[in-house]
Each structure stands twice: as structure tokens, then as C-alpha cells.
Amino acid sequence: MAAFDPWDPAFVADPYPAYAALRAKGRVHWFEPSGQWLVPRHADVSALLRDRRLGRTYQHRFGHEEFGRTPPPPEHEPFHTLNDHGMLDLEPPDHTRIRRLVSKAFTPRTVERLQPYVDALAGDLVDRLVAAGGGDLLTDVAEPLPVAVIAEMLGIPESDRAPLRPWSADICGMYELNPSEEAAARAVRASVEFTRYLRGLIAERREEPGDDLVSGLIAAHDEGDRLTEQEMISTCVLLLNAGHEATVNATVNGWWALFRHPEQLAALRADHSLVPTAVEELMRYDTPLQLFERWVLEEIEIDGTVLPRGAEVALLFGSANRDPAVFADPDRLDLARRENPHISFSAGIHYCIGAPLARIELAASMRALLERAPALAPAQDPGRKPGFVIRGLAGLAVRV
């Protein structure tokens, strides 16, 4: 049986056989190395994302000791202060309050207004790639597009954007299972620097408001919607990290999957109307966020196994998205797949607020590459990032 081993490069390269073995073996499995219960089937993952007996945090109801957990080391405090005040790691009522404010920036109408900007930027990036005869799809197209879009929404000047991606990568290193002390130190340093930068930006926007999300959050706070400065900072970091990390990895994972399925790529090149379903299928087929964690706030039972309060659950998105109980022939890439209830954007109250924007960005870069680089091909096999939770390539060299 293929083994679930998130630190084994062979597993990270292709975790899907191990997921199939987990699904066949049962609905929930104890994984001692990370101290988590693994949930591999789509129906359970989908239900538990909506189950209020589980939470992204427990600190709204319990102290660390009361919950049977060891507090994080004091030297990690800057990371946890930043992370714990973002809505992804909050539960109601704080989550509800912050999400209500931020959601105004991500309504379908607001996102539609960004479409011309996103399309133009995607076109410019691909034109540069073509003019150069090729390059790295990751650094030349996949990264700059969503980083620029979310930075534009937040009102971060172009001259300040260079450190955003490195800060994000270092912070996201803490979301891997059992991160090393080196990874933790990088995340803490990035948290301190990013916080310092945003504190300065918020101070500037207080003096000179603009037509951006930071100014909007300040205005909402001034009008009586309670939002602390730390919540503003954490929200901005979350929007930047979540607003591009998955999109970047979905882009390169998706194109690498297309290159390995030439018949599907040929069908897409012949019929660009497949782009919307192709975006959904590529996110399902090689999911950019493989695992999402929840804390058990009240005892639950899964298939006869009791998960006590204080347990941690690892919801395996990548496995759920290949579940044959939900997807016909799940290991086959089918860009025309219509029935596609993938959970790559999560579900329940923590459903990805930026999903409409991510879809626009993924479709824009795909169309630009199909139209302006019709002979796009890999220049060499890519290396893979070592992390398991956030699944992506270290680069994707292409020629045009």
C-alpha cells in the first residue's frame, strides 16, 4: 500500500496513490507523526468543513492548557499575533465581523470591474514571455499577475511590491506539517517586517485616504465597524497570501498537468471555450492546497471512531478531489468535466472569499497563453517545492 508520508519527496511528487489507499482503508485515520486525524473522503471533508463542532481556532472558547495543548513558544509570537487575527483563523463573532467588511471588496460586481485590468496585465506578461522566447512560467507570469492584482486592491505602491512574495512564502512555511525551527524563524522575521510595513501604510492612508481596500477598512472602522489595527494588518497579510499563493500554484500545477496530457492540451487549444471548465478541472486534478486543519471543539464521531475535544483533524482536500464516489474516473484529467464539485476553495463559513477573483486570474492567464503563445512547451522537467500542504513547483521553464 502506498504510504502517507508528507516528508517523503516521492510522496510529495505524487500523493494520489496514497490517498486512494487511505480512502479504501476507511473514513478516518490516526497519523502519529503530526498528531492528527486524517480524513480522506469527499463527503466527510465537505461535511466537516461546515460542522460547527470543529473550528479553525479554539482560543475563542478555551485556553491552551484547558484544551490540552501546549502554547506556542514565545519566540514565535510575532507570527501567531499576525496569523491569529486574520479571519481565516478566527471563528464567529470576530470572523463574521471582519468577513462582512472585507467581502464588500470581493462582490461579483467588484471583481467584474477588475476584469479589464487582469486581462491587460496577463496579456502584457505573456507578451514579454513570448518576446524573450520563453522563460520561467512561475516567475514571469504565474507570480506577478495575482500579486499585482491584490497589491493594487490593497493600494500597495508598485515600488513597494518586491518583498511581498518572499514575505508570503516565508509566512506560509509555517502551514506545513511540523515546520522546522529554521522555517519558524523565517516566518517570524517576515511577520515582523510585513507588519512594520503595513503599519506604516495604514498610517499614510489615515492621512491621505485612497480608493483602495486599506482606506476602505480604515473608513469602516471610523464609521463604527470595530476593526483593530492588528486586525487590519492581519487581514491585509491574509488577503495577499491567500490572494496569490493558491493562484500561483494552480497556474503552474495546471500547465504542468496539461503538458503531461497532450491530448487534453490539444483539445483546449482547438476550443478556447473550454477555459472555464478547464480552470475548475485543473484545480481539482492537482489541488494547490492539499490539507486544511480543524480543531475538535466538541466531541464528534466518524464511522465509529470518537474524536475527542482537543483533537486536530487534517482534511485532505487533494484526496477528496480524487474521490471516485463523487468524480467519475477521478484520476483522469478531463477539461470538459461538467459535474465538478471540487473543494479546492474550501466550504462553509471559511469558503475562499477571493474565489471569484482567482477564477478570473486563472482564466485570464490561460487565455493569454493559449492566444499569444500557442506553441508553449516545457523546456525541461520542473523541480517541485518540498512542502506538501501548499503544493507547487519550484519553477516551470517553458519555450514558446
Protein backbone atom coordinates (compact mmCIF):
# COMPACT_ATOMS: atom_id res chain seq x y z
CA MET A 1 0.00 0.00 0.00
CA ALA A 2 1.30 3.48 -0.86
CA ALA A 3 2.19 5.22 2.41
CA PHE A 4 1.01 8.66 3.52
CA ASP A 5 4.34 10.35 4.25
CA PRO A 6 4.30 14.14 3.75
CA TRP A 7 8.09 14.38 4.25
CA ASP A 8 8.95 11.83 1.53
CA PRO A 9 9.82 13.54 -1.79
CA ALA A 10 8.32 10.60 -3.71
CA PHE A 11 5.01 11.05 -1.89
CA VAL A 12 5.08 14.84 -2.39
CA ALA A 13 5.70 14.29 -6.12
CA ASP A 14 2.57 12.12 -6.40
CA PRO A 15 0.43 11.75 -3.25
CA TYR A 16 -2.62 10.44 -5.10
CA PRO A 17 -1.95 6.65 -4.87
CA ALA A 18 -1.50 7.03 -1.08
CA TYR A 19 -4.79 8.93 -0.90
CA ALA A 20 -6.57 6.12 -2.77
CA ALA A 21 -5.20 3.64 -0.22
CA LEU A 22 -6.40 5.84 2.67
CA ARG A 23 -9.90 6.18 1.20
CA ALA A 24 -10.13 2.41 0.66
CA LYS A 25 -9.00 1.72 4.21
CA GLY A 26 -11.61 3.88 5.95
CA ARG A 27 -13.06 7.30 6.69
CA VAL A 28 -10.65 8.47 9.39
CA HIS A 29 -7.06 7.51 10.29
CA TRP A 30 -4.78 8.48 13.17
CA PHE A 31 -1.43 9.84 11.94
CA GLU A 32 1.04 9.77 14.80
CA PRO A 33 3.89 11.85 13.27
CA SER A 34 1.75 15.02 13.16
CA GLY A 35 -0.73 14.03 15.90
CA GLN A 36 -3.72 14.44 13.60
CA TRP A 37 -6.74 12.53 12.38
CA LEU A 38 -6.64 12.26 8.56
CA VAL A 39 -9.98 12.50 6.74
CA PRO A 40 -9.62 11.44 3.07
CA ARG A 41 -13.16 11.11 1.63
CA HIS A 42 -15.06 13.90 -0.10
CA ALA A 43 -18.36 13.51 1.78
CA ASP A 44 -16.64 13.70 5.17
CA VAL A 45 -14.32 16.58 4.24
CA SER A 46 -17.23 18.56 2.82
CA ALA A 47 -19.43 17.90 5.88
CA LEU A 48 -16.71 18.67 8.43
CA LEU A 49 -15.88 22.00 6.76
CA ARG A 50 -19.45 23.01 7.62
CA ASP A 51 -19.62 21.37 11.07
CA ARG A 52 -19.56 23.99 13.83
CA ARG A 53 -18.27 21.40 16.32
CA LEU A 54 -14.93 21.99 14.60
CA GLY A 55 -13.11 25.30 14.38
CA ARG A 56 -10.08 26.93 12.83
CA THR A 57 -9.18 28.09 16.33
CA TYR A 58 -10.13 27.09 19.85
CA GLN A 59 -8.95 30.22 21.62
CA HIS A 60 -12.36 31.91 21.42
CA ARG A 61 -13.62 29.19 23.78
CA PHE A 62 -10.67 27.58 25.56
CA GLY A 63 -7.22 28.40 26.89
CA HIS A 64 -4.27 26.32 25.64
CA GLU A 65 -3.97 24.23 28.81
CA GLU A 66 -7.75 23.80 29.14
CA PHE A 67 -7.82 22.47 25.58
CA GLY A 68 -4.92 20.12 26.26
CA ARG A 69 -2.49 21.99 24.02
CA THR A 70 0.95 23.44 24.63
CA PRO A 71 1.14 27.20 23.98
CA PRO A 72 3.43 28.17 21.08
CA PRO A 73 6.98 29.18 22.04
CA PRO A 74 7.31 32.89 22.97
CA GLU A 75 9.83 33.46 20.18
CA HIS A 76 7.10 32.58 17.62
CA GLU A 77 4.77 35.27 18.98
CA PRO A 78 5.05 37.73 16.03
CA PHE A 79 3.87 35.04 13.62
CA HIS A 80 0.98 33.94 15.83
CA THR A 81 -0.15 37.51 16.53
CA LEU A 82 -0.26 38.14 12.78
CA ASN A 83 -1.86 34.81 11.91
CA ASP A 84 -4.38 34.59 14.74
CA HIS A 85 -6.02 37.95 13.98
CA GLY A 86 -6.82 37.13 10.34
CA MET A 87 -10.32 35.92 9.54
CA LEU A 88 -9.09 32.55 8.27
CA ASP A 89 -8.06 31.67 11.81
CA LEU A 90 -10.96 33.29 13.62
CA GLU A 91 -14.41 31.97 14.47
CA PRO A 92 -17.67 33.92 14.92
CA PRO A 93 -18.39 36.57 16.04
CA ASP A 94 -14.97 38.04 15.12
CA HIS A 95 -14.81 36.12 11.84
CA THR A 96 -18.29 37.30 10.87
CA ARG A 97 -17.50 40.94 11.62
CA ILE A 98 -14.25 41.03 9.63
CA ARG A 99 -15.52 38.97 6.71
CA ARG A 100 -18.56 41.24 6.36
CA LEU A 101 -16.26 44.25 5.93
CA VAL A 102 -13.83 42.57 3.54
CA SER A 103 -16.50 40.87 1.44
CA LYS A 104 -17.53 44.25 0.03
CA ALA A 105 -14.28 44.25 -1.95
CA PHE A 106 -14.95 40.80 -3.41
CA THR A 107 -18.55 41.01 -4.58
CA PRO A 108 -19.07 39.62 -8.11
CA ARG A 109 -19.68 43.18 -9.37
CA THR A 110 -16.44 44.49 -7.83
CA VAL A 111 -14.45 41.58 -9.21
CA GLU A 112 -16.01 42.03 -12.67
CA ARG A 113 -14.74 45.61 -12.68
CA LEU A 114 -11.21 44.22 -12.31
CA GLN A 115 -11.56 42.02 -15.41
CA PRO A 116 -10.10 44.52 -17.94
CA TYR A 117 -7.11 45.22 -15.65
CA VAL A 118 -6.48 41.50 -15.11
CA ASP A 119 -6.80 40.70 -18.83
CA ALA A 120 -4.46 43.53 -19.83
CA LEU A 121 -1.86 42.56 -17.22
CA ALA A 122 -1.99 38.88 -18.23
CA GLY A 123 -1.54 39.89 -21.87
CA ASP A 124 1.45 42.11 -21.08
CA LEU A 125 3.16 39.38 -19.04
CA VAL A 126 2.68 36.77 -21.76
CA ASP A 127 3.84 39.20 -24.47
CA ARG A 128 7.08 39.67 -22.52
CA LEU A 129 7.50 35.91 -22.18
CA VAL A 130 7.00 35.49 -25.94
CA ALA A 131 9.39 38.35 -26.76
CA ALA A 132 12.06 36.61 -24.66
CA GLY A 133 11.49 33.32 -26.45
CA GLY A 134 10.42 31.66 -23.21
CA GLY A 135 11.34 31.76 -19.57
CA ASP A 136 10.01 30.58 -16.23
CA LEU A 137 6.22 30.44 -16.26
CA LEU A 138 6.26 30.68 -12.46
CA THR A 139 8.24 33.90 -12.06
CA ASP A 140 7.31 35.51 -15.41
CA VAL A 141 3.52 35.01 -15.42
CA ALA A 142 2.07 32.95 -12.55
CA GLU A 143 3.50 35.06 -9.71
CA PRO A 144 3.39 38.64 -10.99
CA LEU A 145 -0.27 38.54 -12.07
CA PRO A 146 -2.10 37.77 -8.78
CA VAL A 147 0.49 39.62 -6.66
CA ALA A 148 -0.04 42.78 -8.72
CA VAL A 149 -3.85 42.43 -8.61
CA ILE A 150 -4.11 42.01 -4.84
CA ALA A 151 -1.45 44.70 -4.23
CA GLU A 152 -3.46 47.04 -6.47
CA MET A 153 -6.63 46.28 -4.48
CA LEU A 154 -4.83 46.92 -1.19
CA GLY A 155 -3.23 50.13 -2.50
CA ILE A 156 0.38 48.95 -2.14
CA PRO A 157 2.54 51.13 -4.43
CA GLU A 158 4.37 49.32 -7.24
CA SER A 159 7.72 50.40 -5.81
CA ASP A 160 6.95 48.55 -2.53
CA ARG A 161 5.88 45.21 -4.01
CA ALA A 162 9.20 43.35 -4.37
CA PRO A 163 9.26 41.87 -0.84
CA LEU A 164 5.59 40.80 -0.85
CA ARG A 165 6.10 37.40 -2.44
CA PRO A 166 9.16 36.46 -0.29
CA TRP A 167 7.35 37.56 2.88
CA SER A 168 4.34 35.48 1.88
CA ALA A 169 6.44 32.39 1.08
CA ASP A 170 8.21 32.59 4.45
CA ILE A 171 4.97 33.04 6.39
CA CYS A 172 3.29 30.17 4.53
CA GLY A 173 6.18 27.89 5.51
CA MET A 174 4.53 27.67 8.93
CA TYR A 175 1.48 25.98 7.43
CA GLU A 176 3.42 22.83 6.61
CA LEU A 177 3.21 19.85 8.98
CA ASN A 178 5.77 20.08 11.82
CA PRO A 179 7.72 23.07 10.40
CA SER A 180 11.40 23.24 11.30
CA GLU A 181 12.88 25.87 13.61
CA GLU A 182 14.53 27.45 10.57
CA ALA A 183 11.16 27.74 8.84
CA ALA A 184 9.65 29.20 12.01
CA ALA A 185 12.46 31.76 12.28
CA ARG A 186 11.90 32.85 8.66
CA ALA A 187 8.15 33.15 9.27
CA VAL A 188 8.70 35.24 12.41
CA ARG A 189 11.13 37.57 10.61
CA ALA A 190 8.73 38.00 7.66
CA SER A 191 5.84 38.62 10.08
CA VAL A 192 7.77 41.39 11.83
CA GLU A 193 8.82 43.06 8.56
CA PHE A 194 5.43 42.75 6.88
CA THR A 195 3.66 44.09 10.00
CA ARG A 196 6.04 47.05 10.19
CA TYR A 197 5.43 47.86 6.52
CA LEU A 198 1.64 47.67 6.80
CA ARG A 199 1.59 49.74 10.00
CA GLY A 200 3.32 52.49 8.03
CA LEU A 201 0.97 52.10 5.06
CA ILE A 202 -2.10 52.32 7.32
CA ALA A 203 -0.69 55.49 8.91
CA GLU A 204 -0.23 57.00 5.43
CA ARG A 205 -3.79 56.07 4.37
CA ARG A 206 -5.19 57.64 7.54
CA GLU A 207 -3.59 60.92 6.46
CA GLU A 208 -4.31 60.53 2.75
CA PRO A 209 -7.10 58.01 2.00
CA GLY A 210 -7.20 56.47 -1.46
CA ASP A 211 -9.59 54.32 -3.46
CA ASP A 212 -8.24 51.07 -2.06
CA LEU A 213 -9.11 48.35 0.43
CA VAL A 214 -6.83 49.62 3.21
CA SER A 215 -8.51 53.03 3.04
CA GLY A 216 -11.89 51.30 2.99
CA LEU A 217 -11.10 49.32 6.15
CA ILE A 218 -9.96 52.50 7.91
CA ALA A 219 -13.15 54.31 6.84
CA ALA A 220 -15.32 51.41 8.03
CA HIS A 221 -13.53 51.47 11.39
CA ASP A 222 -14.06 55.22 11.70
CA GLU A 223 -17.76 54.77 10.94
CA GLY A 224 -18.19 52.39 13.87
CA ASP A 225 -17.42 48.93 12.49
CA ARG A 226 -14.94 47.69 15.06
CA LEU A 227 -11.63 46.70 13.48
CA THR A 228 -8.41 46.96 15.45
CA GLU A 229 -5.19 47.95 13.73
CA GLN A 230 -3.87 44.43 14.26
CA GLU A 231 -6.97 43.01 12.58
CA MET A 232 -6.40 45.37 9.65
CA ILE A 233 -2.77 44.26 9.35
CA SER A 234 -3.62 40.57 9.65
CA THR A 235 -6.44 40.93 7.12
CA CYS A 236 -4.13 42.58 4.58
CA VAL A 237 -1.50 39.85 5.02
CA LEU A 238 -4.13 37.12 4.70
CA LEU A 239 -5.57 38.69 1.55
CA LEU A 240 -2.14 38.96 -0.01
CA ASN A 241 -1.05 35.44 0.97
CA ALA A 242 -4.32 33.69 0.19
CA GLY A 243 -4.95 36.05 -2.73
CA HIS A 244 -2.00 34.81 -4.71
CA GLU A 245 -0.47 31.64 -3.20
CA ALA A 246 -3.15 29.26 -4.48
CA THR A 247 -3.46 31.07 -7.83
CA VAL A 248 0.29 30.90 -8.46
CA ASN A 249 0.44 27.19 -7.71
CA ALA A 250 -2.79 26.39 -9.57
CA THR A 251 -1.30 28.08 -12.67
CA VAL A 252 1.96 26.11 -12.76
CA ASN A 253 0.44 22.85 -11.49
CA GLY A 254 -2.21 23.24 -14.16
CA TRP A 255 0.16 23.87 -17.06
CA TRP A 256 2.43 21.02 -15.99
CA ALA A 257 -0.64 18.74 -15.97
CA LEU A 258 -1.57 19.99 -19.46
CA PHE A 259 1.94 19.33 -20.79
CA ARG A 260 1.68 15.75 -19.47
CA HIS A 261 -1.73 15.29 -21.13
CA PRO A 262 -1.11 16.46 -24.71
CA GLU A 263 -4.50 15.26 -25.95
CA GLN A 264 -6.27 17.49 -23.41
CA LEU A 265 -3.99 20.43 -24.23
CA ALA A 266 -4.72 19.94 -27.93
CA ALA A 267 -8.47 19.97 -27.24
CA LEU A 268 -8.10 23.19 -25.23
CA ARG A 269 -6.02 24.83 -27.98
CA ALA A 270 -8.69 23.87 -30.51
CA ASP A 271 -11.55 25.17 -28.40
CA HIS A 272 -10.89 28.09 -26.04
CA SER A 273 -14.49 27.91 -24.79
CA LEU A 274 -13.24 25.05 -22.59
CA VAL A 275 -11.30 27.54 -20.44
CA PRO A 276 -13.89 27.86 -17.62
CA THR A 277 -14.28 24.11 -17.11
CA ALA A 278 -10.52 23.62 -17.62
CA VAL A 279 -9.78 26.00 -14.73
CA GLU A 280 -12.10 24.02 -12.43
CA GLU A 281 -10.74 20.65 -13.55
CA LEU A 282 -7.10 21.62 -13.16
CA MET A 283 -7.79 22.88 -9.62
CA ARG A 284 -9.44 19.55 -8.85
CA TYR A 285 -6.86 17.38 -10.55
CA ASP A 286 -3.80 18.78 -8.77
CA THR A 287 -5.07 20.76 -5.81
CA PRO A 288 -2.87 23.72 -4.72
CA LEU A 289 -3.88 23.40 -1.05
CA GLN A 290 -3.72 19.72 -0.15
CA LEU A 291 -4.68 19.83 3.52
CA PHE A 292 -6.74 22.07 5.77
CA GLU A 293 -6.76 21.74 9.56
CA ARG A 294 -9.57 21.97 12.10
CA TRP A 295 -9.73 21.67 15.88
CA VAL A 296 -12.36 19.49 17.53
CA LEU A 297 -14.26 21.86 19.84
CA GLU A 298 -16.92 19.28 20.78
CA GLU A 299 -16.51 15.52 20.60
CA ILE A 300 -17.54 14.04 17.25
CA GLU A 301 -17.83 10.52 15.88
CA ILE A 302 -16.77 9.43 12.41
CA ASP A 303 -17.67 5.89 11.38
CA GLY A 304 -17.50 4.60 14.94
CA THR A 305 -14.29 6.45 15.82
CA VAL A 306 -14.72 9.10 18.52
CA LEU A 307 -12.58 12.22 18.08
CA PRO A 308 -12.32 13.90 21.47
CA ARG A 309 -12.34 17.61 22.20
CA GLY A 310 -8.81 18.92 21.68
CA ALA A 311 -8.05 16.63 18.74
CA GLU A 312 -6.80 18.05 15.46
CA VAL A 313 -8.30 16.99 12.15
CA ALA A 314 -6.46 17.13 8.81
CA LEU A 315 -8.99 17.41 5.97
CA LEU A 316 -7.29 16.07 2.85
CA PHE A 317 -8.52 18.29 0.01
CA GLY A 318 -6.29 16.59 -2.56
CA SER A 319 -7.75 13.20 -1.67
CA ALA A 320 -11.35 14.45 -1.56
CA ASN A 321 -10.92 15.87 -5.06
CA ARG A 322 -9.99 12.40 -6.38
CA ASP A 323 -12.77 10.50 -4.62
CA PRO A 324 -14.44 8.05 -7.06
CA ALA A 325 -17.64 8.24 -5.00
CA VAL A 326 -18.07 11.81 -6.33
CA PHE A 327 -15.99 12.11 -9.52
CA ALA A 328 -16.31 9.74 -12.47
CA ASP A 329 -12.87 8.34 -13.36
CA PRO A 330 -11.22 10.75 -10.88
CA ASP A 331 -7.60 10.11 -11.91
CA ARG A 332 -8.35 11.15 -15.49
CA LEU A 333 -7.83 14.79 -16.48
CA ASP A 334 -10.99 15.84 -18.32
CA LEU A 335 -11.11 19.54 -19.20
CA ALA A 336 -14.75 19.23 -20.31
CA ARG A 337 -15.87 17.75 -16.95
CA ARG A 338 -19.21 19.29 -16.03
CA GLU A 339 -20.02 17.64 -12.70
CA ASN A 340 -17.14 19.01 -10.67
CA PRO A 341 -17.92 19.78 -7.00
CA HIS A 342 -14.25 20.11 -6.05
CA ILE A 343 -13.46 21.67 -2.69
CA SER A 344 -10.25 23.47 -3.62
CA PHE A 345 -11.80 26.72 -2.34
CA SER A 346 -12.96 25.07 0.92
CA ALA A 347 -16.60 25.29 2.12
CA GLY A 348 -18.74 26.61 4.93
CA ILE A 349 -18.05 29.94 6.64
CA HIS A 350 -14.37 29.78 5.61
CA TYR A 351 -15.12 29.35 1.90
CA CYS A 352 -12.48 31.33 -0.01
CA ILE A 353 -13.66 34.92 -0.21
CA GLY A 354 -11.39 35.51 -3.21
CA ALA A 355 -12.61 32.54 -5.28
CA PRO A 356 -14.30 34.74 -7.95
CA LEU A 357 -11.08 36.75 -8.35
CA ALA A 358 -8.91 33.61 -8.50
CA ARG A 359 -11.11 32.20 -11.27
CA ILE A 360 -10.80 35.43 -13.28
CA GLU A 361 -6.99 35.45 -12.89
CA LEU A 362 -6.58 31.77 -13.80
CA ALA A 363 -8.80 32.13 -16.86
CA ALA A 364 -7.06 35.36 -17.97
CA SER A 365 -3.55 33.90 -17.86
CA MET A 366 -4.73 30.68 -19.55
CA ARG A 367 -6.42 32.58 -22.39
CA ALA A 368 -3.41 34.86 -22.85
CA LEU A 369 -1.06 31.88 -23.08
CA LEU A 370 -3.34 29.99 -25.46
CA GLU A 371 -3.75 33.01 -27.76
CA ARG A 372 -0.28 34.56 -27.63
CA ALA A 373 1.91 31.50 -27.04
CA PRO A 374 0.07 28.76 -28.97
CA ALA A 375 3.16 26.53 -29.15
CA LEU A 376 4.04 26.83 -25.44
CA ALA A 377 6.02 23.76 -24.33
CA PRO A 378 8.14 22.74 -21.35
CA ALA A 379 11.87 23.35 -21.74
CA GLN A 380 12.72 20.79 -19.04
CA ASP A 381 11.10 18.80 -16.26
CA PRO A 382 10.39 21.08 -13.30
CA GLY A 383 11.55 20.66 -9.72
CA ARG A 384 8.93 20.54 -7.01
CA LYS A 385 8.71 22.66 -3.89
CA PRO A 386 9.45 20.47 -0.86
CA GLY A 387 6.26 21.36 1.01
CA PHE A 388 3.24 19.07 0.97
CA VAL A 389 0.39 21.22 2.32
CA ILE A 390 0.90 24.01 -0.24
CA ARG A 391 1.53 22.08 -3.45
CA GLY A 392 3.51 23.74 -6.19
CA LEU A 393 6.52 23.69 -8.47
CA ALA A 394 9.83 25.43 -7.80
CA GLY A 395 9.71 26.72 -11.37
CA LEU A 396 8.42 25.76 -14.83
CA ALA A 397 10.83 26.52 -17.67
CA VAL A 398 8.99 26.95 -20.99
CA ARG A 399 9.77 27.79 -24.60
CA VAL A 400 7.40 29.48 -26.99
